[in-house]
Protein backbone atom coordinates (compact mmCIF):
# COMPACT_ATOMS: atom_id res chain seq x y z
CA MET A 1 86.14 71.07 86.02
CA PRO A 2 84.22 74.12 84.75
CA ASP A 3 86.20 76.81 82.99
CA ASP A 4 85.58 79.35 85.78
CA SER A 5 86.80 76.94 88.45
CA ARG A 6 89.82 75.97 86.38
CA GLN A 7 90.63 79.66 85.83
CA LEU A 8 90.24 80.32 89.57
CA MET A 9 92.58 77.49 90.55
CA LYS A 10 95.11 78.46 87.89
CA GLY A 11 95.11 82.03 89.17
CA ALA A 12 95.49 80.85 92.76
CA VAL A 13 98.47 78.69 91.79
CA ILE A 14 100.13 81.59 89.92
CA LEU A 15 99.72 84.01 92.81
CA THR A 16 100.80 81.43 95.39
CA LEU A 17 103.96 80.64 93.40
CA ALA A 18 104.72 84.35 93.03
CA ALA A 19 104.17 84.93 96.75
CA PHE A 20 106.46 81.99 97.56
CA ILE A 21 109.25 83.40 95.38
CA ILE A 22 108.81 86.86 96.87
CA LYS A 23 108.87 85.59 100.45
CA ILE A 24 112.01 83.56 99.81
CA LEU A 25 113.77 86.53 98.22
CA SER A 26 112.59 88.87 100.96
CA ALA A 27 114.07 86.63 103.64
CA VAL A 28 117.25 85.47 101.90
CA TYR A 29 118.64 88.81 100.70
CA ARG A 30 118.86 90.10 104.28
CA VAL A 31 121.68 87.65 104.98
CA PRO A 32 124.21 89.01 102.43
CA PHE A 33 122.97 92.52 103.21
CA GLN A 34 123.78 92.08 106.91
CA ASN A 35 127.15 90.61 105.94
CA ILE A 36 127.86 93.76 103.89
CA VAL A 37 126.72 96.45 106.36
CA GLY A 38 127.13 94.70 109.74
CA ASP A 39 124.75 94.75 112.70
CA THR A 40 124.56 98.55 112.97
CA GLY A 41 123.87 98.94 109.25
CA PHE A 42 121.25 96.20 109.53
CA TYR A 43 119.65 98.12 112.41
CA ILE A 44 119.39 101.25 110.24
CA TYR A 45 117.74 99.31 107.43
CA GLN A 46 115.34 97.37 109.64
CA GLN A 47 114.26 100.43 111.64
CA VAL A 48 112.41 101.85 108.64
CA TYR A 49 111.47 98.56 106.97
CA PRO A 50 107.97 98.41 108.56
CA LEU A 51 107.01 101.64 106.76
CA TYR A 52 107.91 100.10 103.40
CA GLY A 53 106.29 96.83 104.44
CA ILE A 54 102.95 98.57 105.01
CA ALA A 55 103.04 100.19 101.57
CA SER A 56 104.02 96.90 99.93
CA VAL A 57 101.31 94.79 101.59
CA LEU A 58 98.60 97.36 100.80
CA ALA A 59 99.64 97.36 97.14
CA VAL A 60 99.82 93.56 96.91
CA SER A 61 97.17 91.93 99.10
CA GLY A 62 94.99 94.76 100.35
CA PHE A 63 93.52 97.19 97.84
CA PRO A 64 93.89 94.97 94.73
CA VAL A 65 91.61 92.32 96.28
CA VAL A 66 88.82 94.83 96.88
CA ILE A 67 89.20 96.30 93.40
CA SER A 68 89.13 92.81 91.85
CA ARG A 69 85.75 92.19 93.48
CA PHE A 70 84.25 95.26 91.84
CA VAL A 71 85.60 94.15 88.46
CA ALA A 72 84.63 90.48 88.91
CA LYS A 73 81.06 91.46 89.82
CA ASN A 74 80.81 93.58 86.68
CA ALA A 75 82.30 90.76 84.58
CA ALA A 76 79.75 88.32 86.01
CA GLU A 77 77.02 90.65 84.76
CA LYS A 78 78.39 90.33 81.20
CA ARG A 79 79.89 93.84 81.35
CA GLU A 80 76.58 95.48 80.67
CA ASN A 81 77.60 98.42 82.82
CA GLN A 82 81.09 99.08 81.46
CA GLU A 83 80.73 102.85 81.84
CA ASP A 84 79.60 102.41 85.43
CA LEU A 85 82.64 100.20 86.09
CA GLN A 86 84.97 102.80 84.61
CA ARG A 87 83.37 105.43 86.80
CA VAL A 88 83.83 103.24 89.90
CA LEU A 89 87.46 102.55 88.98
CA GLN A 90 88.10 106.25 88.48
CA THR A 91 86.58 106.91 91.90
CA ILE A 92 88.73 104.18 93.46
CA PHE A 93 91.84 105.62 91.84
CA VAL A 94 91.08 109.08 93.23
CA VAL A 95 90.56 107.58 96.68
CA LEU A 96 93.82 105.63 96.50
CA LEU A 97 95.62 108.69 95.15
CA ILE A 98 94.44 110.66 98.18
CA VAL A 99 95.54 107.81 100.47
CA GLY A 100 98.92 107.39 98.78
CA VAL A 101 99.74 111.12 98.65
CA SER A 102 98.58 111.59 102.26
CA LEU A 103 100.78 108.76 103.49
CA PHE A 104 103.71 110.09 101.44
CA LEU A 105 103.31 113.59 102.90
CA PHE A 106 102.97 112.20 106.42
CA VAL A 107 106.10 110.06 106.17
CA PHE A 108 108.25 112.48 104.11
CA PHE A 109 107.53 115.68 106.03
CA GLY A 110 107.10 113.85 109.32
CA ALA A 111 110.42 112.05 108.96
CA ASN A 112 112.03 114.02 111.77
CA SER A 113 109.16 113.20 114.10
CA ILE A 114 109.15 109.52 113.11
CA ALA A 115 112.92 109.30 113.61
CA GLY A 116 112.41 111.01 116.98
CA TRP A 117 109.79 108.41 117.97
CA MET A 118 112.35 105.75 117.07
CA GLY A 119 114.89 107.49 119.28
CA ASP A 120 117.41 108.11 116.48
CA PRO A 121 117.18 111.51 114.71
CA LEU A 122 119.84 110.42 112.18
CA LEU A 123 117.24 108.11 110.62
CA ALA A 124 115.21 111.03 109.22
CA PRO A 125 116.80 111.07 105.70
CA VAL A 126 116.37 107.29 105.46
CA VAL A 127 112.70 107.59 106.44
CA GLN A 128 112.17 110.21 103.71
CA VAL A 129 113.33 107.77 101.01
CA VAL A 130 110.87 105.14 102.24
CA ALA A 131 108.03 107.63 101.74
CA PHE A 132 108.23 107.41 97.92
CA PRO A 133 106.74 103.89 97.50
CA PHE A 134 103.45 105.31 98.82
CA LEU A 135 103.19 107.43 95.65
CA LEU A 136 103.20 104.23 93.57
CA LEU A 137 100.44 102.68 95.68
CA PRO A 138 97.38 103.87 93.65
CA PHE A 139 98.83 102.79 90.29
CA LEU A 140 100.07 99.38 91.43
CA SER A 141 96.85 98.63 93.34
CA LEU A 142 94.45 99.63 90.57
CA TRP A 143 96.18 97.80 87.73
CA ARG A 144 96.70 94.64 89.79
CA GLY A 145 93.11 94.71 91.01
CA VAL A 146 91.66 95.11 87.51
CA PHE A 147 93.68 92.25 86.06
CA GLN A 148 92.81 89.99 89.00
CA GLY A 149 89.15 90.89 88.64
CA TYR A 150 89.18 89.62 85.05
CA GLY A 151 90.91 86.42 86.21
CA ASN A 152 94.28 87.29 84.69
CA MET A 153 96.81 86.77 87.49
CA ALA A 154 99.92 86.79 85.28
CA PRO A 155 100.38 90.62 85.29
CA THR A 156 100.12 90.75 89.08
CA ALA A 157 102.55 87.86 89.55
CA ALA A 158 105.01 89.21 86.96
CA SER A 159 104.98 92.71 88.44
CA GLN A 160 105.46 91.42 92.00
CA VAL A 161 108.34 89.11 91.14
CA THR A 162 110.03 91.74 88.92
CA GLU A 163 109.65 94.35 91.65
CA GLN A 164 111.23 92.05 94.21
CA PHE A 165 114.12 90.95 91.98
CA VAL A 166 114.98 94.54 91.05
CA ARG A 167 114.64 95.69 94.66
CA VAL A 168 116.89 92.97 96.04
CA ALA A 169 119.52 93.36 93.32
CA ALA A 170 119.56 97.15 93.69
CA ILE A 171 119.76 97.02 97.51
CA LEU A 172 122.71 94.64 97.49
CA ALA A 173 124.56 96.39 94.64
CA ILE A 174 124.10 99.91 96.02
CA SER A 175 125.00 98.86 99.58
CA TYR A 176 128.14 97.05 98.46
CA PHE A 177 129.28 100.05 96.41
CA LEU A 178 128.61 102.62 99.17
CA VAL A 179 130.32 100.57 101.88
CA ARG A 180 133.32 99.95 99.63
CA GLU A 181 133.58 103.67 98.86
CA GLY A 182 133.54 104.55 102.56
CA PHE A 183 130.13 106.19 102.89
CA SER A 184 128.50 106.28 106.31
CA LEU A 185 126.07 103.53 107.30
CA TYR A 186 123.20 106.04 107.31
CA ASP A 187 124.07 107.07 103.75
CA THR A 188 124.24 103.40 102.88
CA GLY A 189 120.81 102.84 104.40
CA ARG A 190 119.38 105.69 102.36
CA GLY A 191 120.97 104.29 99.21
CA ALA A 192 119.67 100.80 99.95
CA TRP A 193 116.12 102.06 100.25
CA THR A 194 116.48 103.78 96.89
CA GLY A 195 116.57 100.23 95.58
CA ALA A 196 113.04 99.69 96.91
CA VAL A 197 111.82 102.69 94.91
CA LEU A 198 113.51 101.33 91.78
CA GLY A 199 111.82 97.97 92.36
CA GLY A 200 108.41 99.61 92.59
CA LEU A 201 108.99 101.50 89.36
CA ALA A 202 110.02 98.25 87.65
CA GLY A 203 106.80 96.59 88.79
CA LEU A 204 104.81 99.56 87.53
CA ILE A 205 106.47 99.36 84.11
CA ILE A 206 105.56 95.66 83.82
CA LEU A 207 101.90 96.44 84.61
CA GLY A 208 101.95 99.29 82.11
CA VAL A 209 103.19 96.95 79.38
CA TYR A 210 100.39 94.45 80.13
CA THR A 211 97.82 97.26 80.14
CA ARG A 212 99.01 98.50 76.77
CA LYS A 213 98.90 94.97 75.29
CA THR A 214 95.38 94.23 76.53
CA GLY A 215 94.02 97.67 75.62
CA LEU A 216 92.22 98.13 78.94
CA HIS A 217 90.47 101.48 79.42
CA LEU A 218 90.20 102.10 83.11
CA PHE A 219 88.74 105.57 83.42
CA ALA A 220 85.61 107.36 82.27
CA PHE A 221 87.21 110.77 83.00
CA GLN A 222 84.05 112.13 84.58
CA ARG A 223 83.53 114.33 87.57
CA VAL A 224 83.27 112.43 90.82
CA SER A 225 81.08 113.68 93.65
CA ILE A 226 82.14 113.86 97.27
CA ARG A 227 79.38 111.39 98.13
CA GLU A 228 80.79 108.84 95.67
CA LEU A 229 84.29 109.32 97.03
CA LEU A 230 83.12 108.75 100.59
CA SER A 231 80.95 105.76 99.69
CA VAL A 232 83.55 103.94 97.60
CA GLY A 233 86.43 105.11 99.77
CA LYS A 234 84.87 103.59 102.88
CA ILE A 235 84.62 100.17 101.23
CA VAL A 236 88.07 100.24 99.62
CA VAL A 237 90.05 101.62 102.55
CA ILE A 238 88.36 99.70 105.39
CA HIS A 239 87.99 96.37 103.59
CA GLY A 240 91.36 96.63 101.84
CA THR A 241 93.15 97.32 105.12
CA ALA A 242 91.29 94.50 106.91
CA ILE A 243 92.11 91.97 104.17
CA CYS A 244 95.84 92.57 104.32
CA PHE A 245 96.16 92.38 108.12
CA SER A 246 97.44 88.79 108.07
CA GLY A 247 100.22 90.04 105.78
CA LEU A 248 100.89 92.90 108.20
CA LEU A 249 101.15 90.60 111.22
CA LEU A 250 104.95 90.41 111.46
CA ILE A 251 105.41 93.92 110.04
CA LEU A 252 103.34 95.48 112.84
CA PHE A 253 105.40 93.63 115.43
CA GLN A 254 108.57 94.90 113.72
CA LEU A 255 107.10 98.41 113.78
CA VAL A 256 106.70 98.19 117.55
CA ASP A 257 110.36 97.19 117.88
CA SER A 258 111.36 100.06 115.58
CA LEU A 259 109.45 102.53 117.71
CA ASN A 260 110.62 101.58 121.18
CA LEU A 261 113.24 98.81 121.39
CA TYR A 262 116.29 100.99 120.67
CA SER A 263 115.00 103.75 122.96
CA LEU A 264 114.28 101.29 125.76
CA LEU A 265 117.77 99.81 125.48
CA VAL A 266 119.34 103.27 125.74
CA GLN A 267 117.12 104.17 128.70
CA ALA A 268 118.11 100.90 130.37
CA GLY A 269 121.78 101.96 130.32
CA TRP A 270 123.30 100.75 127.06
CA GLN A 271 125.41 103.18 125.07
CA MET A 272 123.80 104.40 121.83
CA GLU A 273 126.18 102.61 119.46
CA GLU A 274 125.93 99.42 121.50
CA ALA A 275 122.13 99.66 121.50
CA LYS A 276 122.09 100.06 117.69
CA SER A 277 124.25 96.98 117.31
CA LEU A 278 122.02 95.03 119.71
CA LYS A 279 118.92 96.02 117.75
CA GLY A 280 120.67 94.84 114.58
CA ILE A 281 121.41 91.50 116.26
CA PHE A 282 117.76 91.21 117.30
CA ASP A 283 116.69 91.90 113.70
CA ARG A 284 118.60 88.80 112.57
CA GLY A 285 115.50 86.95 113.69
CA GLN A 286 113.27 88.57 111.06
CA PRO A 287 114.52 86.65 107.98
CA LEU A 288 114.47 83.43 110.02
CA ILE A 289 110.84 83.99 111.02
CA GLN A 290 109.93 84.94 107.46
CA LEU A 291 111.47 81.76 106.08
CA GLY A 292 109.69 79.72 108.73
CA THR A 293 106.30 81.15 107.80
CA VAL A 294 106.68 80.91 104.01
CA ALA A 295 104.79 77.61 103.91
CA ALA A 296 101.94 78.97 106.05
CA THR A 297 101.66 82.07 103.87
CA SER A 298 101.48 79.95 100.72
CA ILE A 299 98.85 77.69 102.32
CA SER A 300 96.80 80.74 103.29
CA LEU A 301 96.91 82.24 99.80
CA ALA A 302 95.80 78.98 98.23
CA LEU A 303 93.24 78.38 100.96
CA VAL A 304 91.16 81.54 100.63
CA PRO A 305 89.64 80.82 97.18
CA ALA A 306 89.15 77.12 98.02
CA VAL A 307 87.38 77.87 101.31
CA THR A 308 85.34 80.63 99.68
CA ALA A 309 84.15 78.24 96.96
CA ALA A 310 83.17 75.54 99.48
CA TRP A 311 81.48 78.09 101.76
CA THR A 312 79.50 79.59 98.85
CA LYS A 313 78.29 76.15 97.73
CA GLY A 314 77.24 75.30 101.26
CA SER A 315 79.34 72.12 101.24
CA ALA A 316 79.87 71.65 104.98
CA ASP A 317 81.71 68.32 104.75
CA MET A 318 84.14 69.53 102.10
CA LEU A 319 84.76 72.73 104.05
CA GLN A 320 85.44 70.87 107.30
CA LYS A 321 87.89 68.57 105.51
CA LYS A 322 89.80 71.57 104.05
CA VAL A 323 89.93 73.22 107.46
CA ASN A 324 91.15 70.03 109.16
CA THR A 325 93.88 69.46 106.58
CA SER A 326 95.01 73.10 106.67
CA LEU A 327 95.07 73.01 110.45
CA LYS A 328 97.24 69.88 110.54
CA VAL A 329 99.65 71.20 107.91
CA SER A 330 100.07 74.61 109.58
CA LEU A 331 100.64 73.02 113.00
CA ALA A 332 103.08 70.45 111.61
CA VAL A 333 105.09 72.93 109.55
CA GLY A 334 105.02 75.67 112.20
CA LEU A 335 106.02 73.47 115.13
CA GLY A 336 108.62 71.58 113.11
CA ALA A 337 110.26 74.79 111.85
CA ALA A 338 110.17 76.43 115.30
CA ALA A 339 111.52 73.47 117.26
CA GLY A 340 114.12 72.64 114.61
CA LEU A 341 115.47 76.18 114.45
CA MET A 342 115.60 76.46 118.24
CA ASN A 343 117.84 73.39 118.33
CA ILE A 344 120.28 74.46 115.62
CA ILE A 345 120.13 78.23 116.20
CA LYS A 346 123.81 78.63 117.17
CA PRO A 347 125.39 77.04 114.06
CA THR A 348 122.67 78.67 111.91
CA ASN A 349 123.49 82.08 113.38
CA ILE A 350 127.18 81.62 112.63
CA MET A 351 126.46 80.24 109.15
CA LEU A 352 124.31 83.22 108.16
CA PHE A 353 125.64 86.15 110.21
CA LYS A 354 129.30 85.25 110.86
CA ASN A 355 129.06 84.93 114.68
CA ALA A 356 126.87 83.47 117.44
CA ASP A 357 125.84 86.82 118.98
CA GLY A 358 122.27 86.77 120.27
CA SER A 359 121.72 83.05 119.69
CA GLY A 360 119.71 82.72 122.91
CA VAL A 361 117.44 85.59 121.90
CA LEU A 362 116.99 84.17 118.40
CA ALA A 363 116.06 80.80 119.92
CA VAL A 364 113.19 82.49 121.77
CA LEU A 365 112.15 84.31 118.59
CA ALA A 366 112.07 80.98 116.75
CA ALA A 367 109.01 80.05 118.83
CA ALA A 368 107.20 82.89 117.06
CA ILE A 369 107.25 80.82 113.85
CA PHE A 370 104.75 78.35 115.32
CA PHE A 371 102.23 80.95 116.45
CA ALA A 372 102.61 83.08 113.32
CA SER A 373 102.04 80.05 111.07
CA VAL A 374 98.79 79.20 112.85
CA VAL A 375 97.57 82.81 112.80
CA ILE A 376 98.29 83.26 109.08
CA THR A 377 96.51 80.00 108.18
CA PHE A 378 93.50 80.66 110.42
CA SER A 379 93.23 84.21 109.05
CA GLY A 380 93.02 82.73 105.54
CA ILE A 381 90.17 80.44 106.62
CA LEU A 382 88.23 83.27 108.28
CA GLN A 383 88.72 85.52 105.26
CA GLY A 384 87.47 82.69 103.06
CA ILE A 385 84.14 82.60 104.93
CA GLY A 386 83.76 86.38 104.91
CA GLN A 387 85.06 87.09 108.43
CA MET A 388 87.65 89.67 107.34
CA MET A 389 87.43 92.03 110.32
CA ALA A 390 88.06 89.39 113.01
CA PRO A 391 91.75 88.70 112.15
CA ALA A 392 92.41 92.45 111.87
CA LYS A 393 90.94 93.05 115.32
CA TYR A 394 92.92 90.25 116.94
CA ILE A 395 96.18 91.22 115.25
CA LEU A 396 95.78 94.80 116.49
CA LEU A 397 95.17 93.54 120.03
CA GLY A 398 98.26 91.32 119.74
CA THR A 399 100.30 94.31 118.57
CA VAL A 400 99.21 96.21 121.69
CA CYS A 401 100.31 93.22 123.80
CA LYS A 402 103.69 93.32 122.05
CA TYR A 403 104.06 97.06 122.71
CA ILE A 404 103.21 96.72 126.40
CA GLY A 405 105.41 93.64 126.65
CA ASN A 406 108.38 95.61 125.34
CA LEU A 407 107.80 98.38 127.88
CA ILE A 408 107.71 95.91 130.76
CA LEU A 409 110.27 93.28 129.74
CA VAL A 410 113.03 95.11 127.79
CA PRO A 411 114.21 97.30 130.72
CA VAL A 412 114.62 94.13 132.81
CA PHE A 413 115.74 91.46 130.33
CA GLY A 414 117.06 93.47 127.36
CA LEU A 415 116.79 91.77 123.95
CA ALA A 416 115.40 88.61 125.54
CA GLY A 417 112.52 90.70 126.89
CA ALA A 418 111.70 91.94 123.38
CA ALA A 419 111.81 88.37 122.07
CA TRP A 420 109.45 87.15 124.78
CA ALA A 421 107.13 90.10 124.11
CA THR A 422 106.96 89.00 120.45
CA VAL A 423 106.12 85.41 121.39
CA ILE A 424 103.53 86.48 123.97
CA GLY A 425 101.87 88.89 121.53
CA LEU A 426 101.66 86.26 118.77
CA ALA A 427 100.43 83.63 121.25
CA ALA A 428 97.65 86.01 122.29
CA VAL A 429 96.59 86.49 118.65
CA CYS A 430 96.75 82.72 118.14
CA LEU A 431 94.45 82.03 121.10
CA MET A 432 91.92 84.68 120.08
CA ILE A 433 91.76 83.62 116.44
CA THR A 434 91.49 79.94 117.42
CA TRP A 435 88.58 80.76 119.72
CA LYS A 436 86.87 82.58 116.86
CA LEU A 437 87.38 79.68 114.46
CA LYS A 438 85.83 77.28 116.99
CA SER A 439 82.52 79.08 116.58
CA PHE A 440 82.39 78.06 112.90
CA PHE A 441 84.14 74.67 112.75
CA SER A 442 84.71 71.63 114.92
CA ILE A 443 88.46 71.93 115.40
CA ARG A 444 88.97 70.85 119.03
CA PRO A 445 89.39 67.08 118.28
CA VAL A 446 91.86 67.80 115.46
CA LEU A 447 93.78 70.30 117.59
CA ARG A 448 94.08 67.94 120.54
CA ALA A 449 95.12 64.89 118.52
CA SER A 450 97.53 66.87 116.32
CA LEU A 451 99.30 68.71 119.15
CA VAL A 452 99.89 65.51 121.13
CA ARG A 453 101.45 63.72 118.15
CA LEU A 454 103.40 66.73 116.96
CA SER A 455 104.77 67.41 120.46
CA LEU A 456 106.12 63.86 120.56
CA ALA A 457 107.63 64.33 117.10
CA ALA A 458 109.27 67.59 118.25
CA VAL A 459 110.75 65.81 121.31
CA VAL A 460 112.20 63.04 119.14
CA MET A 461 113.62 65.64 116.73
CA THR A 462 115.17 67.53 119.65
CA ILE A 463 116.86 64.38 120.99
CA ALA A 464 118.19 63.55 117.51
CA LEU A 465 119.50 67.07 116.92
CA GLN A 466 121.08 67.48 120.34
CA GLY A 467 122.83 64.15 119.89
CA TRP A 468 124.07 65.19 116.46
CA LEU A 469 125.30 68.59 117.68
CA TYR A 470 126.98 66.89 120.66
CA ILE A 471 129.04 64.85 118.19
CA PHE A 472 129.95 68.00 116.23
CA ASP A 473 130.96 69.86 119.40
CA HIS A 474 133.35 67.07 120.40
CA ILE A 475 135.04 66.93 117.02
CA GLY A 476 136.79 70.12 118.10
CA MET A 477 136.60 72.03 114.82
CA GLN A 478 135.39 75.63 114.62
CA GLY A 479 134.68 78.32 112.02
CA ARG A 480 131.89 79.39 109.75
CA LEU A 481 132.28 76.51 107.28
CA PHE A 482 132.18 73.92 110.06
CA ASN A 483 129.02 75.48 111.55
CA THR A 484 127.45 75.60 108.11
CA ALA A 485 127.94 71.84 107.83
CA ALA A 486 126.46 71.35 111.31
CA ALA A 487 123.42 73.51 110.51
CA LEU A 488 122.65 71.99 107.11
CA THR A 489 123.10 68.39 108.20
CA GLY A 490 121.03 69.21 111.27
CA VAL A 491 118.18 70.35 109.04
CA VAL A 492 118.23 66.99 107.23
CA ILE A 493 118.54 64.83 110.34
CA GLY A 494 115.98 66.80 112.35
CA GLY A 495 113.54 66.92 109.45
CA LEU A 496 113.77 63.17 108.84
CA ALA A 497 113.28 62.35 112.52
CA TYR A 498 110.30 64.69 112.77
CA LEU A 499 108.72 63.37 109.59
CA ALA A 500 109.28 59.74 110.58
CA VAL A 501 107.33 60.19 113.83
CA ILE A 502 104.51 62.03 112.08
CA MET A 503 104.18 59.27 109.50
CA ARG A 504 104.44 56.55 112.14
CA MET A 505 101.64 58.11 114.21
CA ASN A 506 99.36 58.59 111.19
CA LEU A 507 98.76 62.30 111.72
CA PHE A 508 97.46 62.66 108.16
CA THR A 509 94.77 60.47 106.64
CA GLU A 510 95.41 58.46 103.48
CA GLU A 511 93.29 60.92 101.52
CA GLU A 512 95.21 63.93 102.84
CA ILE A 513 98.65 62.47 102.26
CA SER A 514 97.76 61.26 98.77
CA HIS A 515 97.97 64.88 97.61
CA VAL A 516 101.67 65.03 98.47
CA PRO A 517 103.75 65.07 95.23
CA TYR A 518 105.18 61.65 94.27
CA TYR A 519 103.42 59.95 97.20
CA SER A 520 101.58 57.56 94.87
CA LYS A 521 104.88 56.48 93.26
CA LEU A 522 106.50 56.04 96.67
CA LYS A 523 103.57 53.97 97.88
CA ARG A 524 103.71 51.78 94.76
CA PHE A 525 107.46 51.28 95.28
CA LYS A 526 106.88 50.21 98.90
CA THR A 527 104.11 47.82 97.85
CA VAL A 528 106.37 46.17 95.26
CA ARG A 529 109.18 45.76 97.81
CA LYS A 530 106.77 44.27 100.35
CA GLU A 531 105.44 41.77 97.80
CA ARG A 532 108.99 40.72 96.86
CA ARG A 533 109.89 40.16 100.51
CA GLN A 534 106.80 37.99 101.02
CA LYS A 535 107.79 35.84 98.05
């Protein structure tokens, strides 16, 4: 393998591993946090989370990618125009500084209005704290983008993982202390979000250390014209925002719920405190969906450079094979996670959140895992072939569907209506993005064959799990520990049943499955056993 290709794959692996760790942490810490602050405290935290999520995604997968392209192009030209690159980077930094400061001012000074839109004026001080990560946006984006452009992914990965570890540790420690000392849940929410600011600063320090070690000089310190700002700003802002839309998928849907779910519940007749608790129960579904889509997100991150390389070389056969394999994996993982969680949602709910409140609603939300997994994977493929605007357009349309769905369904069905609105919105995005992908690749045969086999596997898994849970129910024991045992053993039994059917029906080709770790050793072991039996 050429050095450039090896460097590209190494970088992709580093970023994919970092993203996997971050996603796991992001989903898992919400469980102890909810246990500390309760459903109402969880509601307060989750109401403003989408604002932080937007800042985080822009600083991780949006602007840095665009910046890296500028740097990579200059590096490919043997850095003959180093001064020009520094001038471009300075222009980009000014643009991002304007964007970051503008968003900070909008969120900080518009906190009362934003809290009013959410239907809870007491959220205003919490919203103001979440404004501060936008000030870190230009620094984090520029440094990460420059390092990625030179093929050095370690600083980006290290800063992201450090930021997440510090954020999670600070959120849990601060929340525990404030609750123990008797502070209000709104004060606790504000303190918890201070942890996010500390995490961002930690990530910035890591990038600063790497910059100092490498001796990078990013700026030319020259005057920048308005024309340059507009020209570069258009590329960075529009392309950077479009690139990160797959990462914003679930965050935008959460933003819709933050803006109108609580208000709609109050208007439908629930008391304010009861509505806050209900919204907190609904938000239990977010870490479950995040965990369910971790695999799809990792596939997408690894897929983009691979698809881009095959597309650039014009290798149609190789590209079709990658698309087929990615499609099968995303469908298998998404449907398996969704169907499995729907079956064991009650013991899982008790295991993680102490009680079974909202289990029916969370079962509906579990279906979102399937559609989100497909959308994230397909977005990665389209981005790999240069179709960056299409996923953004479809995700925005799906968000509108979600908003309208909430308005229609929540007053009638309550939390279940919001859950169905989420599933319908994601299903709409899934259909639109699949239709777009069909215009580039032959995916209909793979889709049809895969869905038939996977549906049968999901039915078998459901029968196995319902039988297993039936046994547990008739044992007569109760409690959190007992439900934990039911949930964890259910994961193993359901997963084995699902996998057994998939393997039996030969969903994956020999070539595709040979890439699974330890498959060659397992195959050799089976061959030896078969030969011994024949003797």
